[in-house]
PDB file of N, CA and C in Angstrom:
ATOM      1  N   MET A   1       0.796  -1.137   0.000  1.00  0.00           N
ATOM      2  CA  MET A   1      -0.031  -0.065  -0.292  1.00  0.00           C
ATOM      3  C   MET A   1       0.819   1.077  -0.346  1.00  0.00           C
ATOM      4  N   LYS A   2       2.132   1.314   0.662  1.00  0.00           N
ATOM      5  CA  LYS A   2       3.081   2.341   0.742  1.00  0.00           C
ATOM      6  C   LYS A   2       3.321   2.454  -0.410  1.00  0.00           C
ATOM      7  N   ALA A   3       3.783   1.520  -1.038  1.00  0.00           N
ATOM      8  CA  ALA A   3       4.667   1.652  -2.231  1.00  0.00           C
ATOM      9  C   ALA A   3       3.899   2.173  -3.376  1.00  0.00           C
ATOM     10  N   LYS A   4       2.639   2.143  -3.382  1.00  0.00           N
ATOM     11  CA  LYS A   4       1.290   2.832  -4.322  1.00  0.00           C
ATOM     12  C   LYS A   4       1.701   4.210  -4.058  1.00  0.00           C
ATOM     13  N   TYR A   5       1.894   4.798  -2.828  1.00  0.00           N
ATOM     14  CA  TYR A   5       1.889   6.128  -2.570  1.00  0.00           C
ATOM     15  C   TYR A   5       3.301   6.585  -2.969  1.00  0.00           C
ATOM     16  N   THR A   6       4.214   5.938  -2.862  1.00  0.00           N
ATOM     17  CA  THR A   6       5.393   6.366  -2.920  1.00  0.00           C
ATOM     18  C   THR A   6       5.517   6.582  -4.611  1.00  0.00           C
ATOM     19  N   LEU A   7       5.121   5.372  -5.244  1.00  0.00           N
ATOM     20  CA  LEU A   7       4.945   5.484  -6.888  1.00  0.00           C
ATOM     21  C   LEU A   7       4.309   6.655  -7.585  1.00  0.00           C
ATOM     22  N   VAL A   8       3.103   6.818  -6.898  1.00  0.00           N
ATOM     23  CA  VAL A   8       2.379   8.082  -7.294  1.00  0.00           C
ATOM     24  C   VAL A   8       3.148   9.215  -7.267  1.00  0.00           C
ATOM     25  N   THR A   9       3.670   9.411  -5.940  1.00  0.00           N
ATOM     26  CA  THR A   9       4.165  10.773  -5.577  1.00  0.00           C
ATOM     27  C   THR A   9       5.398  11.001  -6.474  1.00  0.00           C
ATOM     28  N   ILE A  10       6.268   9.766  -6.858  1.00  0.00           N
ATOM     29  CA  ILE A  10       7.319  10.018  -7.942  1.00  0.00           C
ATOM     30  C   ILE A  10       6.775  10.039  -9.257  1.00  0.00           C
ATOM     31  N   LEU A  11       5.985   9.651  -9.659  1.00  0.00           N
ATOM     32  CA  LEU A  11       5.004  10.037 -10.935  1.00  0.00           C
ATOM     33  C   LEU A  11       4.655  11.563 -10.988  1.00  0.00           C
ATOM     34  N   VAL A  12       4.002  12.059 -10.067  1.00  0.00           N
ATOM     35  CA  VAL A  12       3.668  13.248  -9.862  1.00  0.00           C
ATOM     36  C   VAL A  12       4.827  14.320 -10.072  1.00  0.00           C
ATOM     37  N   LEU A  13       5.873  13.962  -9.558  1.00  0.00           N
ATOM     38  CA  LEU A  13       6.990  14.999  -9.380  1.00  0.00           C
ATOM     39  C   LEU A  13       7.746  15.040 -10.795  1.00  0.00           C
ATOM     40  N   LEU A  14       7.820  13.807 -11.380  1.00  0.00           N
ATOM     41  CA  LEU A  14       8.591  13.839 -12.683  1.00  0.00           C
ATOM     42  C   LEU A  14       7.588  14.357 -13.891  1.00  0.00           C
ATOM     43  N   LEU A  15       6.289  14.502 -13.682  1.00  0.00           N
ATOM     44  CA  LEU A  15       5.342  15.196 -14.549  1.00  0.00           C
ATOM     45  C   LEU A  15       5.256  16.658 -14.283  1.00  0.00           C
ATOM     46  N   THR A  16       5.353  17.002 -12.855  1.00  0.00           N
ATOM     47  CA  THR A  16       5.448  18.729 -12.594  1.00  0.00           C
ATOM     48  C   THR A  16       6.762  19.213 -13.424  1.00  0.00           C
ATOM     49  N   THR A  17       7.984  18.299 -13.096  1.00  0.00           N
ATOM     50  CA  THR A  17       9.171  18.791 -13.734  1.00  0.00           C
ATOM     51  C   THR A  17       9.158  18.988 -15.092  1.00  0.00           C
ATOM     52  N   THR A  18       8.513  18.069 -15.905  1.00  0.00           N
ATOM     53  CA  THR A  18       8.187  18.330 -17.484  1.00  0.00           C
ATOM     54  C   THR A  18       7.286  19.299 -18.013  1.00  0.00           C
ATOM     55  N   ILE A  19       6.272  19.428 -16.904  1.00  0.00           N
ATOM     56  CA  ILE A  19       5.586  20.688 -17.324  1.00  0.00           C
ATOM     57  C   ILE A  19       6.078  21.903 -17.041  1.00  0.00           C
ATOM     58  N   ALA A  20       6.764  21.864 -15.964  1.00  0.00           N
ATOM     59  CA  ALA A  20       7.458  23.205 -15.667  1.00  0.00           C
ATOM     60  C   ALA A  20       8.444  23.577 -16.613  1.00  0.00           C
ATOM     61  N   GLN A  21       9.229  22.620 -17.554  1.00  0.00           N
ATOM     62  CA  GLN A  21      10.360  23.160 -18.290  1.00  0.00           C
ATOM     63  C   GLN A  21       9.348  23.365 -19.590  1.00  0.00           C
ATOM     64  N   ALA A  22       8.425  22.924 -19.816  1.00  0.00           N
ATOM     65  CA  ALA A  22       7.453  23.178 -21.096  1.00  0.00           C
ATOM     66  C   ALA A  22       7.090  24.981 -20.590  1.00  0.00           C
ATOM     67  N   GLN A  23       6.461  24.980 -19.514  1.00  0.00           N
ATOM     68  CA  GLN A  23       6.025  26.301 -19.156  1.00  0.00           C
ATOM     69  C   GLN A  23       7.202  27.306 -19.286  1.00  0.00           C
ATOM     70  N   THR A  24       8.002  27.065 -19.042  1.00  0.00           N
ATOM     71  CA  THR A  24       9.343  28.057 -19.125  1.00  0.00           C
ATOM     72  C   THR A  24       9.543  28.440 -20.287  1.00  0.00           C
ATOM     73  N   GLU A  25       9.712  27.452 -21.271  1.00  0.00           N
ATOM     74  CA  GLU A  25       9.821  27.530 -22.629  1.00  0.00           C
ATOM     75  C   GLU A  25       8.648  28.715 -23.117  1.00  0.00           C
ATOM     76  N   MET A  26       7.404  28.373 -23.066  1.00  0.00           N
ATOM     77  CA  MET A  26       6.114  29.220 -23.343  1.00  0.00           C
ATOM     78  C   MET A  26       6.222  30.388 -22.655  1.00  0.00           C
ATOM     79  N   ALA A  27       6.632  30.665 -21.436  1.00  0.00           N
ATOM     80  CA  ALA A  27       6.970  32.143 -21.042  1.00  0.00           C
ATOM     81  C   ALA A  27       7.877  32.748 -21.650  1.00  0.00           C
ATOM     82  N   ASP A  28       9.051  31.925 -21.992  1.00  0.00           N
ATOM     83  CA  ASP A  28       9.934  32.902 -22.829  1.00  0.00           C
ATOM     84  C   ASP A  28       9.726  33.390 -24.045  1.00  0.00           C
ATOM     85  N   THR A  29       8.831  32.312 -24.872  1.00  0.00           N
ATOM     86  CA  THR A  29       8.253  33.026 -26.077  1.00  0.00           C
ATOM     87  C   THR A  29       7.284  33.830 -25.659  1.00  0.00           C
ATOM     88  N   MET A  30       6.456  33.991 -25.076  1.00  0.00           N
ATOM     89  CA  MET A  30       5.385  34.926 -24.425  1.00  0.00           C
ATOM     90  C   MET A  30       6.092  36.517 -24.023  1.00  0.00           C
ATOM     91  N   ARG A  31       7.400  36.179 -23.469  1.00  0.00           N
ATOM     92  CA  ARG A  31       7.835  37.727 -23.078  1.00  0.00           C
ATOM     93  C   ARG A  31       8.658  38.062 -24.029  1.00  0.00           C
ATOM     94  N   SER A  32       9.346  37.244 -25.171  1.00  0.00           N
ATOM     95  CA  SER A  32       9.822  37.833 -26.194  1.00  0.00           C
ATOM     96  C   SER A  32       8.579  38.705 -27.203  1.00  0.00           C
ATOM     97  N   ASN A  33       7.548  38.120 -27.229  1.00  0.00           N
ATOM     98  CA  ASN A  33       6.400  38.713 -27.969  1.00  0.00           C
ATOM     99  C   ASN A  33       5.781  40.098 -27.250  1.00  0.00           C
ATOM    100  N   GLY A  34       5.951  40.030 -25.886  1.00  0.00           N
ATOM    101  CA  GLY A  34       5.341  41.291 -25.037  1.00  0.00           C
ATOM    102  C   GLY A  34       3.951  40.686 -24.836  1.00  0.00           C
ATOM    103  N   LYS A  35       3.553  39.424 -25.037  1.00  0.00           N
ATOM    104  CA  LYS A  35       2.026  38.796 -24.434  1.00  0.00           C
ATOM    105  C   LYS A  35       2.356  38.730 -22.945  1.00  0.00           C
ATOM    106  N   ILE A  36       3.263  38.467 -22.373  1.00  0.00           N
ATOM    107  CA  ILE A  36       3.284  37.865 -21.014  1.00  0.00           C
ATOM    108  C   ILE A  36       2.231  38.943 -20.074  1.00  0.00           C
ATOM    109  N   TYR A  37       2.770  40.169 -20.572  1.00  0.00           N
ATOM    110  CA  TYR A  37       1.938  40.990 -19.773  1.00  0.00           C
ATOM    111  C   TYR A  37       0.348  41.273 -19.730  1.00  0.00           C
ATOM    112  N   VAL A  38      -0.049  40.721 -20.908  1.00  0.00           N
ATOM    113  CA  VAL A  38      -1.252  40.282 -21.178  1.00  0.00           C
ATOM    114  C   VAL A  38      -2.221  39.344 -20.026  1.00  0.00           C
ATOM    115  N   VAL A  39      -0.997  38.366 -20.114  1.00  0.00           N
ATOM    116  CA  VAL A  39      -1.360  37.203 -19.023  1.00  0.00           C
ATOM    117  C   VAL A  39      -1.159  37.590 -17.918  1.00  0.00           C
ATOM    118  N   VAL A  40      -0.301  38.184 -17.323  1.00  0.00           N
ATOM    119  CA  VAL A  40      -0.293  38.569 -15.843  1.00  0.00           C
ATOM    120  C   VAL A  40      -1.557  39.710 -15.554  1.00  0.00           C
ATOM    121  N   ALA A  41      -1.818  40.627 -16.540  1.00  0.00           N
ATOM    122  CA  ALA A  41      -3.029  41.382 -16.426  1.00  0.00           C
ATOM    123  C   ALA A  41      -4.191  40.549 -16.347  1.00  0.00           C
ATOM    124  N   VAL A  42      -4.393  39.538 -16.856  1.00  0.00           N
ATOM    125  CA  VAL A  42      -5.704  38.954 -16.910  1.00  0.00           C
ATOM    126  C   VAL A  42      -5.856  38.054 -15.449  1.00  0.00           C
ATOM    127  N   LEU A  43      -4.887  37.487 -15.229  1.00  0.00           N
ATOM    128  CA  LEU A  43      -4.406  36.585 -13.925  1.00  0.00           C
ATOM    129  C   LEU A  43      -4.797  37.496 -12.774  1.00  0.00           C
ATOM    130  N   ALA A  44      -4.118  38.685 -12.802  1.00  0.00           N
ATOM    131  CA  ALA A  44      -4.324  39.610 -11.377  1.00  0.00           C
ATOM    132  C   ALA A  44      -5.885  40.231 -11.501  1.00  0.00           C
ATOM    133  N   THR A  45      -6.492  40.390 -12.572  1.00  0.00           N
ATOM    134  CA  THR A  45      -7.988  40.660 -12.625  1.00  0.00           C
ATOM    135  C   THR A  45      -8.583  39.627 -11.896  1.00  0.00           C
ATOM    136  N   ILE A  46      -8.585  38.325 -12.467  1.00  0.00           N
ATOM    137  CA  ILE A  46      -9.084  37.159 -11.889  1.00  0.00           C
ATOM    138  C   ILE A  46      -9.036  36.790 -10.524  1.00  0.00           C
ATOM    139  N   PHE A  47      -8.010  36.902  -9.932  1.00  0.00           N
ATOM    140  CA  PHE A  47      -7.613  36.747  -8.449  1.00  0.00           C
ATOM    141  C   PHE A  47      -8.484  38.158  -7.826  1.00  0.00           C
ATOM    142  N   ALA A  48      -8.100  39.259  -8.191  1.00  0.00           N
ATOM    143  CA  ALA A  48      -8.660  40.282  -7.534  1.00  0.00           C
ATOM    144  C   ALA A  48     -10.367  39.988  -7.405  1.00  0.00           C
ATOM    145  N   GLY A  49     -10.799  39.601  -8.499  1.00  0.00           N
ATOM    146  CA  GLY A  49     -12.176  39.516  -8.317  1.00  0.00           C
ATOM    147  C   GLY A  49     -12.765  38.417  -7.421  1.00  0.00           C
ATOM    148  N   ILE A  50     -11.982  37.157  -7.406  1.00  0.00           N
ATOM    149  CA  ILE A  50     -11.980  36.433  -6.465  1.00  0.00           C
ATOM    150  C   ILE A  50     -12.103  36.916  -5.136  1.00  0.00           C
ATOM    151  N   PHE A  51     -10.932  37.827  -4.804  1.00  0.00           N
ATOM    152  CA  PHE A  51     -10.758  38.223  -3.579  1.00  0.00           C
ATOM    153  C   PHE A  51     -11.722  39.320  -3.101  1.00  0.00           C
ATOM    154  N   ALA A  52     -12.235  39.929  -3.825  1.00  0.00           N
ATOM    155  CA  ALA A  52     -13.389  40.920  -4.090  1.00  0.00           C
ATOM    156  C   ALA A  52     -14.648  40.082  -3.469  1.00  0.00           C
ATOM    157  N   TYR A  53     -15.370  38.891  -4.090  1.00  0.00           N
ATOM    158  CA  TYR A  53     -15.931  38.104  -3.938  1.00  0.00           C
ATOM    159  C   TYR A  53     -16.125  37.491  -2.529  1.00  0.00           C
ATOM    160  N   LEU A  54     -14.792  36.822  -2.215  1.00  0.00           N
ATOM    161  CA  LEU A  54     -14.597  36.450  -0.908  1.00  0.00           C
ATOM    162  C   LEU A  54     -14.955  37.318   0.221  1.00  0.00           C
ATOM    163  N   ILE A  55     -14.458  38.712   0.189  1.00  0.00           N
ATOM    164  CA  ILE A  55     -14.900  39.714   1.150  1.00  0.00           C
ATOM    165  C   ILE A  55     -16.255  39.896   1.084  1.00  0.00           C
ATOM    166  N   TYR A  56     -17.023  40.016   0.156  1.00  0.00           N
ATOM    167  CA  TYR A  56     -18.358  40.552  -0.099  1.00  0.00           C
ATOM    168  C   TYR A  56     -19.025  38.850   0.708  1.00  0.00           C
ATOM    169  N   LEU A  57     -18.775  37.831   0.707  1.00  0.00           N
ATOM    170  CA  LEU A  57     -19.279  36.651   0.959  1.00  0.00           C
ATOM    171  C   LEU A  57     -19.234  36.556   2.490  1.00  0.00           C
ATOM    172  N   ASP A  58     -17.974  36.976   2.929  1.00  0.00           N
ATOM    173  CA  ASP A  58     -17.733  37.020   4.338  1.00  0.00           C
ATOM    174  C   ASP A  58     -18.713  38.012   4.986  1.00  0.00           C
ATOM    175  N   ARG A  59     -18.681  39.229   4.476  1.00  0.00           N
ATOM    176  CA  ARG A  59     -19.495  40.288   5.143  1.00  0.00           C
ATOM    177  C   ARG A  59     -21.107  39.792   4.877  1.00  0.00           C
ATOM    178  N   LYS A  60     -21.599  39.119   4.149  1.00  0.00           N
ATOM    179  CA  LYS A  60     -22.793  38.820   4.002  1.00  0.00           C
ATOM    180  C   LYS A  60     -23.114  37.673   4.954  1.00  0.00           C
ATOM    181  N   LEU A  61     -22.102  36.695   5.300  1.00  0.00           N
ATOM    182  CA  LEU A  61     -22.393  35.861   6.277  1.00  0.00           C
ATOM    183  C   LEU A  61     -22.143  36.115   7.886  1.00  0.00           C
ATOM    184  N   THR A  62     -21.437  37.140   7.996  1.00  0.00           N
ATOM    185  CA  THR A  62     -21.413  37.858   9.131  1.00  0.00           C
ATOM    186  C   THR A  62     -22.589  38.327   9.305  1.00  0.00           C
ATOM    187  N   LYS A  63     -22.926  39.001   8.806  1.00  0.00           N
ATOM    188  CA  LYS A  63     -24.495  39.755   8.736  1.00  0.00           C
ATOM    189  C   LYS A  63     -25.546  38.829   9.458  1.00  0.00           C
ATOM    190  N   ALA A  64     -25.224  37.654   8.421  1.00  0.00           N
ATOM    191  CA  ALA A  64     -26.661  36.532   8.622  1.00  0.00           C
ATOM    192  C   ALA A  64     -26.529  36.004   9.993  1.00  0.00           C
ATOM    193  N   GLU A  65     -25.336  35.608  10.411  1.00  0.00           N
ATOM    194  CA  GLU A  65     -24.973  34.996  11.523  1.00  0.00           C
ATOM    195  C   GLU A  65     -25.263  35.905  12.661  1.00  0.00           C
ATOM    196  N   LYS A  66     -25.325  37.391  12.616  1.00  0.00           N
ATOM    197  CA  LYS A  66     -25.514  38.072  13.675  1.00  0.00           C
ATOM    198  C   LYS A  66     -27.281  38.510  13.924  1.00  0.00           C
ATOM    199  N   SER A  67     -27.948  37.869  12.479  1.00  0.00           N
ATOM    200  CA  SER A  67     -29.153  38.339  12.976  1.00  0.00           C
ATOM    201  C   SER A  67     -29.837  36.750  13.217  1.00  0.00           C
TER     202      SER A  67
END
């Protein structure tokens, strides 16, 4: 049973390394084309939206708990 988890962990680490190398090449290509800033702006907008929604939801739940 423990061997299964070890094997899965090793495979996940190998896959992660492979994906990281491919993403590094993609990031270099996007940076050279100037598109990396668009990607960063979109990701920042998404995270800001999620953060704002969580704050809104927290306030709403706090108000519901008090009443």
